[in-house]
């Protein structure tokens, strides 16, 4: 899991491609679109806390 998370900068889906944790979630186009958008924002320097507050 840690290794997959480390590859997220190069491959935004590496973390959720773990079927034992996320099942087939990587196949859900709507989820993947949102997830990749958030990953890109985080790697551009957006604060995770702020992003999470926007969601709730």
N, C-alpha and C. Protein backbone atom coordinates (compact mmCIF):
# COMPACT_ATOMS: atom_id res chain seq x y z
N UNK A 1 0.83 -1.18 0.00
CA UNK A 1 0.00 0.00 0.00
C UNK A 1 0.88 1.25 0.00
N UNK A 2 1.89 1.27 0.85
CA UNK A 2 2.78 2.43 0.93
C UNK A 2 3.50 2.65 -0.40
N UNK A 3 3.96 1.58 -1.01
CA UNK A 3 4.67 1.67 -2.28
C UNK A 3 3.74 2.22 -3.38
N UNK A 4 2.52 1.77 -3.39
CA UNK A 4 1.55 2.26 -4.38
C UNK A 4 1.29 3.74 -4.17
N UNK A 5 1.18 4.17 -2.92
CA UNK A 5 0.96 5.59 -2.62
C UNK A 5 2.14 6.44 -3.09
N UNK A 6 3.34 5.90 -2.98
CA UNK A 6 4.53 6.63 -3.41
C UNK A 6 4.55 6.85 -4.92
N UNK A 7 3.88 6.02 -5.67
CA UNK A 7 3.86 6.14 -7.13
C UNK A 7 2.73 7.03 -7.64
N UNK A 8 1.96 7.57 -6.73
CA UNK A 8 0.79 8.36 -7.12
C UNK A 8 1.16 9.60 -7.93
N UNK A 9 2.31 10.20 -7.65
CA UNK A 9 2.72 11.40 -8.41
C UNK A 9 2.87 11.08 -9.90
N UNK A 10 3.39 9.91 -10.22
CA UNK A 10 3.59 9.51 -11.61
C UNK A 10 2.36 8.83 -12.19
N UNK A 11 1.57 8.17 -11.35
CA UNK A 11 0.39 7.43 -11.79
C UNK A 11 -0.71 7.65 -10.77
N UNK A 12 -1.58 8.58 -11.06
CA UNK A 12 -2.62 8.98 -10.10
C UNK A 12 -3.49 7.83 -9.61
N UNK A 13 -3.58 6.75 -10.39
CA UNK A 13 -4.45 5.64 -10.02
C UNK A 13 -3.72 4.50 -9.30
N UNK A 14 -2.42 4.62 -9.11
CA UNK A 14 -1.66 3.50 -8.53
C UNK A 14 -2.21 3.06 -7.17
N UNK A 15 -2.63 4.00 -6.35
CA UNK A 15 -3.12 3.65 -5.02
C UNK A 15 -4.44 2.89 -5.07
N UNK A 16 -5.36 3.33 -5.91
CA UNK A 16 -6.67 2.67 -5.93
C UNK A 16 -6.70 1.45 -6.85
N UNK A 17 -5.57 1.11 -7.46
CA UNK A 17 -5.49 -0.11 -8.28
C UNK A 17 -5.22 -1.34 -7.43
N UNK A 18 -5.40 -1.27 -6.16
CA UNK A 18 -5.20 -2.40 -5.25
C UNK A 18 -6.55 -3.07 -5.01
N UNK A 19 -6.84 -4.13 -5.76
CA UNK A 19 -8.16 -4.75 -5.68
C UNK A 19 -8.49 -5.31 -4.30
N UNK A 20 -7.48 -5.73 -3.54
CA UNK A 20 -7.75 -6.26 -2.21
C UNK A 20 -8.26 -5.18 -1.26
N UNK A 21 -8.00 -3.92 -1.58
CA UNK A 21 -8.49 -2.81 -0.75
C UNK A 21 -9.70 -2.11 -1.36
N UNK A 22 -9.66 -1.90 -2.66
CA UNK A 22 -10.68 -1.07 -3.31
C UNK A 22 -11.56 -1.82 -4.29
N UNK A 23 -11.37 -3.14 -4.40
CA UNK A 23 -12.19 -3.90 -5.34
C UNK A 23 -12.04 -3.36 -6.74
N UNK A 24 -13.14 -3.15 -7.40
CA UNK A 24 -13.13 -2.66 -8.78
C UNK A 24 -13.34 -1.16 -8.90
N UNK A 25 -13.12 -0.43 -7.83
CA UNK A 25 -13.38 1.02 -7.83
C UNK A 25 -12.65 1.74 -8.95
N UNK A 26 -11.46 1.26 -9.31
CA UNK A 26 -10.70 1.90 -10.38
C UNK A 26 -11.45 1.83 -11.72
N UNK A 27 -12.42 0.96 -11.82
CA UNK A 27 -13.23 0.84 -13.02
C UNK A 27 -14.43 1.78 -13.05
N UNK A 28 -14.65 2.50 -11.97
CA UNK A 28 -15.77 3.43 -11.89
C UNK A 28 -15.33 4.78 -12.45
N UNK A 29 -15.74 5.04 -13.68
CA UNK A 29 -15.28 6.23 -14.40
C UNK A 29 -15.57 7.53 -13.66
N UNK A 30 -16.75 7.65 -13.09
CA UNK A 30 -17.13 8.87 -12.38
C UNK A 30 -16.25 9.09 -11.16
N UNK A 31 -16.00 8.02 -10.39
CA UNK A 31 -15.14 8.14 -9.22
C UNK A 31 -13.71 8.49 -9.64
N UNK A 32 -13.20 7.80 -10.64
CA UNK A 32 -11.82 8.01 -11.10
C UNK A 32 -11.60 9.45 -11.53
N UNK A 33 -12.57 10.01 -12.23
CA UNK A 33 -12.46 11.40 -12.68
C UNK A 33 -12.30 12.36 -11.49
N UNK A 34 -13.13 12.19 -10.48
CA UNK A 34 -13.05 13.03 -9.28
C UNK A 34 -11.75 12.78 -8.51
N UNK A 35 -11.41 11.51 -8.35
CA UNK A 35 -10.22 11.12 -7.60
C UNK A 35 -8.96 11.72 -8.23
N UNK A 36 -8.82 11.57 -9.55
CA UNK A 36 -7.65 12.11 -10.25
C UNK A 36 -7.61 13.63 -10.11
N UNK A 37 -8.75 14.27 -10.18
CA UNK A 37 -8.80 15.72 -9.99
C UNK A 37 -8.27 16.15 -8.64
N UNK A 38 -8.65 15.42 -7.59
CA UNK A 38 -8.16 15.74 -6.25
C UNK A 38 -6.68 15.45 -6.11
N UNK A 39 -6.22 14.35 -6.68
CA UNK A 39 -4.79 14.01 -6.62
C UNK A 39 -3.98 15.12 -7.29
N UNK A 40 -4.43 15.58 -8.44
CA UNK A 40 -3.72 16.65 -9.14
C UNK A 40 -3.68 17.93 -8.32
N UNK A 41 -4.78 18.27 -7.67
CA UNK A 41 -4.80 19.46 -6.82
C UNK A 41 -3.82 19.33 -5.66
N UNK A 42 -3.77 18.17 -5.06
CA UNK A 42 -2.87 17.94 -3.93
C UNK A 42 -1.42 18.08 -4.38
N UNK A 43 -1.08 17.52 -5.51
CA UNK A 43 0.30 17.60 -5.99
C UNK A 43 0.67 18.99 -6.51
N UNK A 44 -0.32 19.83 -6.76
CA UNK A 44 -0.05 21.22 -7.12
C UNK A 44 0.07 22.11 -5.89
N UNK A 45 -0.15 21.53 -4.72
CA UNK A 45 0.05 22.28 -3.49
C UNK A 45 -1.21 22.68 -2.74
N UNK A 46 -2.36 22.28 -3.23
CA UNK A 46 -3.60 22.57 -2.50
C UNK A 46 -3.58 21.80 -1.18
N UNK A 47 -4.01 22.42 -0.13
CA UNK A 47 -4.05 21.76 1.16
C UNK A 47 -5.14 20.70 1.23
N UNK A 48 -4.78 19.55 1.74
CA UNK A 48 -5.74 18.45 1.85
C UNK A 48 -6.90 18.84 2.75
N UNK A 49 -6.59 19.52 3.83
CA UNK A 49 -7.66 19.93 4.77
C UNK A 49 -8.70 20.80 4.07
N UNK A 50 -8.25 21.76 3.30
CA UNK A 50 -9.17 22.63 2.58
C UNK A 50 -10.02 21.88 1.58
N UNK A 51 -9.41 20.95 0.88
CA UNK A 51 -10.16 20.14 -0.07
C UNK A 51 -11.22 19.29 0.62
N UNK A 52 -10.86 18.71 1.74
CA UNK A 52 -11.83 17.89 2.48
C UNK A 52 -12.96 18.74 3.05
N UNK A 53 -12.64 19.94 3.50
CA UNK A 53 -13.69 20.83 4.03
C UNK A 53 -14.68 21.21 2.94
N UNK A 54 -14.20 21.37 1.71
CA UNK A 54 -15.09 21.67 0.60
C UNK A 54 -16.06 20.53 0.33
N UNK A 55 -15.62 19.30 0.59
CA UNK A 55 -16.46 18.14 0.33
C UNK A 55 -17.59 18.00 1.34
N UNK A 56 -17.34 18.42 2.57
CA UNK A 56 -18.36 18.23 3.61
C UNK A 56 -19.12 19.45 3.91
